[in-house]
N, C-alpha and C. Protein backbone atom coordinates (compact mmCIF):
# COMPACT_ATOMS: atom_id res chain seq x y z
N MET A 1 27.42 14.77 24.69
CA MET A 1 25.86 14.88 24.75
C MET A 1 25.73 14.48 23.52
N ALA A 2 24.55 13.58 23.92
CA ALA A 2 23.65 12.91 22.72
C ALA A 2 22.66 13.94 22.47
N THR A 3 22.39 13.97 20.92
CA THR A 3 21.18 14.85 20.46
C THR A 3 20.09 13.63 20.31
N THR A 4 18.97 14.14 20.31
CA THR A 4 17.73 13.41 19.46
C THR A 4 16.85 13.92 18.68
N SER A 5 16.41 13.45 17.49
CA SER A 5 15.64 14.18 16.68
C SER A 5 14.63 13.47 16.60
N ILE A 6 13.49 14.31 16.64
CA ILE A 6 11.91 13.94 16.54
C ILE A 6 11.24 14.22 15.34
N ILE A 7 10.82 13.11 14.82
CA ILE A 7 9.97 13.23 13.41
C ILE A 7 8.49 13.26 13.94
N PRO A 8 7.48 14.41 13.45
CA PRO A 8 6.43 13.62 14.01
C PRO A 8 5.62 13.18 12.88
N VAL A 9 4.83 12.46 13.41
CA VAL A 9 3.77 11.65 12.31
C VAL A 9 2.57 12.07 12.50
N LYS A 10 1.80 12.38 11.22
CA LYS A 10 0.74 12.72 11.19
C LYS A 10 -0.43 11.43 10.59
N GLU A 11 -1.32 11.03 11.37
CA GLU A 11 -2.30 9.99 10.88
C GLU A 11 -3.02 10.44 9.92
N ILE A 12 -2.89 10.19 8.45
CA ILE A 12 -3.51 10.22 7.57
C ILE A 12 -4.79 9.64 7.05
N LEU A 13 -5.34 8.70 7.59
CA LEU A 13 -6.08 7.97 7.34
C LEU A 13 -7.03 7.78 9.07
N LEU A 14 -8.29 7.33 9.00
CA LEU A 14 -9.01 7.25 10.14
C LEU A 14 -8.63 5.70 11.12
N PRO A 15 -8.66 5.42 11.92
CA PRO A 15 -8.63 4.13 12.32
C PRO A 15 -9.07 3.06 11.78
N GLU A 16 -10.37 2.93 11.54
CA GLU A 16 -11.20 2.21 10.65
C GLU A 16 -10.60 1.71 9.43
N LYS A 17 -9.90 2.74 8.74
CA LYS A 17 -9.59 2.49 7.50
C LYS A 17 -8.08 1.88 7.60
N TYR A 18 -7.26 2.10 8.67
CA TYR A 18 -6.31 1.45 9.04
C TYR A 18 -6.74 -0.06 9.17
N ALA A 19 -7.64 -0.41 9.61
CA ALA A 19 -8.12 -1.58 10.41
C ALA A 19 -8.45 -2.42 9.07
N LEU A 20 -9.34 -1.98 8.15
CA LEU A 20 -9.47 -2.55 6.81
C LEU A 20 -8.43 -2.71 6.13
N ILE A 21 -7.05 -2.33 5.96
CA ILE A 21 -6.44 -2.49 5.19
C ILE A 21 -5.54 -3.92 5.68
N ASP A 22 -5.47 -3.80 7.28
CA ASP A 22 -4.87 -4.54 8.07
C ASP A 22 -5.38 -6.29 7.96
N ASP A 23 -6.76 -5.80 7.96
CA ASP A 23 -7.75 -7.30 7.46
C ASP A 23 -7.55 -7.79 6.58
N PHE A 24 -7.51 -7.07 5.28
CA PHE A 24 -7.23 -7.33 4.09
C PHE A 24 -5.96 -8.21 3.84
N CYS A 25 -5.00 -7.61 4.47
CA CYS A 25 -3.76 -8.15 4.32
C CYS A 25 -3.67 -9.45 5.47
N GLN A 26 -4.23 -9.64 6.27
CA GLN A 26 -4.04 -10.72 7.39
C GLN A 26 -4.94 -11.86 7.03
N SER A 27 -5.77 -11.87 5.76
CA SER A 27 -6.87 -13.00 5.11
C SER A 27 -6.38 -14.39 5.76
N GLY A 28 -4.75 -14.80 6.01
CA GLY A 28 -4.46 -15.90 5.78
C GLY A 28 -3.53 -16.40 4.37
N GLN A 29 -4.18 -15.65 3.15
CA GLN A 29 -3.88 -16.05 2.05
C GLN A 29 -2.90 -15.19 1.47
N PRO A 30 -1.50 -15.69 1.00
CA PRO A 30 -0.63 -14.75 0.07
C PRO A 30 -1.63 -13.43 -0.78
N VAL A 31 -1.31 -12.36 -0.52
CA VAL A 31 -1.75 -11.11 -1.50
C VAL A 31 -1.26 -10.90 -2.20
N THR A 32 -1.40 -10.50 -3.71
CA THR A 32 -0.54 -10.09 -5.01
C THR A 32 -0.64 -8.53 -4.78
N LEU A 33 0.76 -7.75 -5.41
CA LEU A 33 0.44 -6.60 -5.54
C LEU A 33 -0.84 -6.23 -6.59
N VAL A 34 -1.51 -6.83 -7.58
CA VAL A 34 -2.12 -6.43 -8.02
C VAL A 34 -3.65 -6.73 -7.19
N GLU A 35 -4.02 -7.62 -6.33
CA GLU A 35 -4.96 -7.73 -5.53
C GLU A 35 -5.04 -6.91 -4.44
N LEU A 36 -3.57 -6.12 -4.06
CA LEU A 36 -3.65 -4.97 -3.06
C LEU A 36 -4.15 -3.89 -3.56
N ALA A 37 -3.52 -3.64 -4.96
CA ALA A 37 -4.20 -2.40 -5.54
C ALA A 37 -5.44 -2.45 -5.78
N ALA A 38 -5.88 -3.03 -6.33
CA ALA A 38 -7.52 -3.42 -6.45
C ALA A 38 -8.16 -3.22 -5.49
N PHE A 39 -7.70 -3.62 -4.19
CA PHE A 39 -8.48 -3.13 -2.80
C PHE A 39 -8.64 -1.99 -2.49
N LEU A 40 -7.14 -1.36 -2.91
CA LEU A 40 -6.63 0.23 -2.39
C LEU A 40 -7.68 0.77 -3.26
N ALA A 41 -7.86 1.01 -4.44
CA ALA A 41 -8.40 1.49 -5.34
C ALA A 41 -10.44 1.25 -5.24
N THR A 42 -10.72 0.04 -4.74
CA THR A 42 -11.94 0.21 -4.39
C THR A 42 -12.24 0.86 -3.04
N GLU A 43 -11.27 1.00 -2.48
CA GLU A 43 -11.63 0.98 -0.57
C GLU A 43 -11.65 2.67 -0.62
N PHE A 44 -10.56 2.94 -1.19
CA PHE A 44 -10.03 4.71 -0.92
C PHE A 44 -10.29 5.61 -2.90
N GLY A 45 -10.85 4.86 -3.49
CA GLY A 45 -11.25 5.58 -4.75
C GLY A 45 -9.93 6.29 -5.53
N LEU A 46 -8.66 5.26 -5.47
CA LEU A 46 -7.89 5.40 -6.34
C LEU A 46 -7.55 5.44 -7.52
N ALA A 47 -7.01 5.98 -8.39
CA ALA A 47 -6.97 5.71 -9.65
C ALA A 47 -5.76 4.75 -10.12
N VAL A 48 -6.05 4.01 -10.09
CA VAL A 48 -4.85 2.70 -10.47
C VAL A 48 -4.93 2.21 -11.99
N THR A 49 -3.88 1.68 -12.71
CA THR A 49 -4.22 0.80 -13.41
C THR A 49 -3.78 -0.59 -13.36
N LEU A 50 -4.33 -1.66 -13.62
CA LEU A 50 -4.45 -3.01 -13.37
C LEU A 50 -3.86 -3.64 -14.61
N ASP A 51 -3.67 -2.85 -15.71
CA ASP A 51 -3.19 -3.39 -17.09
C ASP A 51 -1.92 -4.23 -16.78
N PRO A 52 -1.90 -5.11 -17.29
CA PRO A 52 -0.78 -6.16 -17.22
C PRO A 52 0.51 -5.69 -17.86
N ASP A 53 0.03 -5.44 -19.30
CA ASP A 53 1.17 -4.63 -20.08
C ASP A 53 2.01 -3.58 -19.35
N ILE A 54 0.99 -2.70 -18.77
CA ILE A 54 1.39 -1.76 -18.10
C ILE A 54 2.14 -2.05 -16.45
N VAL A 55 1.39 -2.44 -15.98
CA VAL A 55 2.11 -2.87 -14.74
C VAL A 55 3.37 -3.78 -14.78
N THR A 56 3.65 -4.71 -15.68
CA THR A 56 4.83 -5.45 -15.89
C THR A 56 6.23 -4.63 -15.87
N GLY A 57 6.16 -3.74 -16.68
CA GLY A 57 7.21 -2.51 -16.81
C GLY A 57 7.68 -1.97 -15.61
N PHE A 58 6.75 -1.91 -14.57
CA PHE A 58 7.20 -1.70 -13.21
C PHE A 58 7.35 -2.64 -12.24
N ALA A 59 7.18 -4.22 -12.31
CA ALA A 59 7.16 -4.78 -11.77
C ALA A 59 8.52 -5.41 -10.89
N THR A 60 9.51 -4.99 -11.52
CA THR A 60 11.08 -5.24 -11.40
C THR A 60 11.47 -4.39 -11.18
N ASP A 61 12.67 -4.21 -10.07
CA ASP A 61 13.67 -3.10 -10.03
C ASP A 61 14.60 -2.86 -10.82
N SER A 62 15.08 -1.78 -11.16
CA SER A 62 15.85 -1.49 -12.40
C SER A 62 17.08 -0.99 -11.93
N SER A 63 17.23 -1.06 -10.77
CA SER A 63 18.60 -0.52 -10.17
C SER A 63 19.45 -1.38 -10.20
N ASN A 64 20.57 -1.24 -9.77
CA ASN A 64 21.99 -2.08 -9.72
C ASN A 64 22.38 -2.64 -8.49
């Protein structure tokens, strides 16, 4: 007997906001993480830091 687990998904943004993100990321040009962070900060009022000295420490994965 097979069991099925269902994980409910709740939309947290309006469809228009998802469309904004899609349009930004599908501009045809590569998008850097800094550009994406700046976009999200502007569009969604997020408090992010774009200071290279701070961001650099988080730019690589430190796991083995």
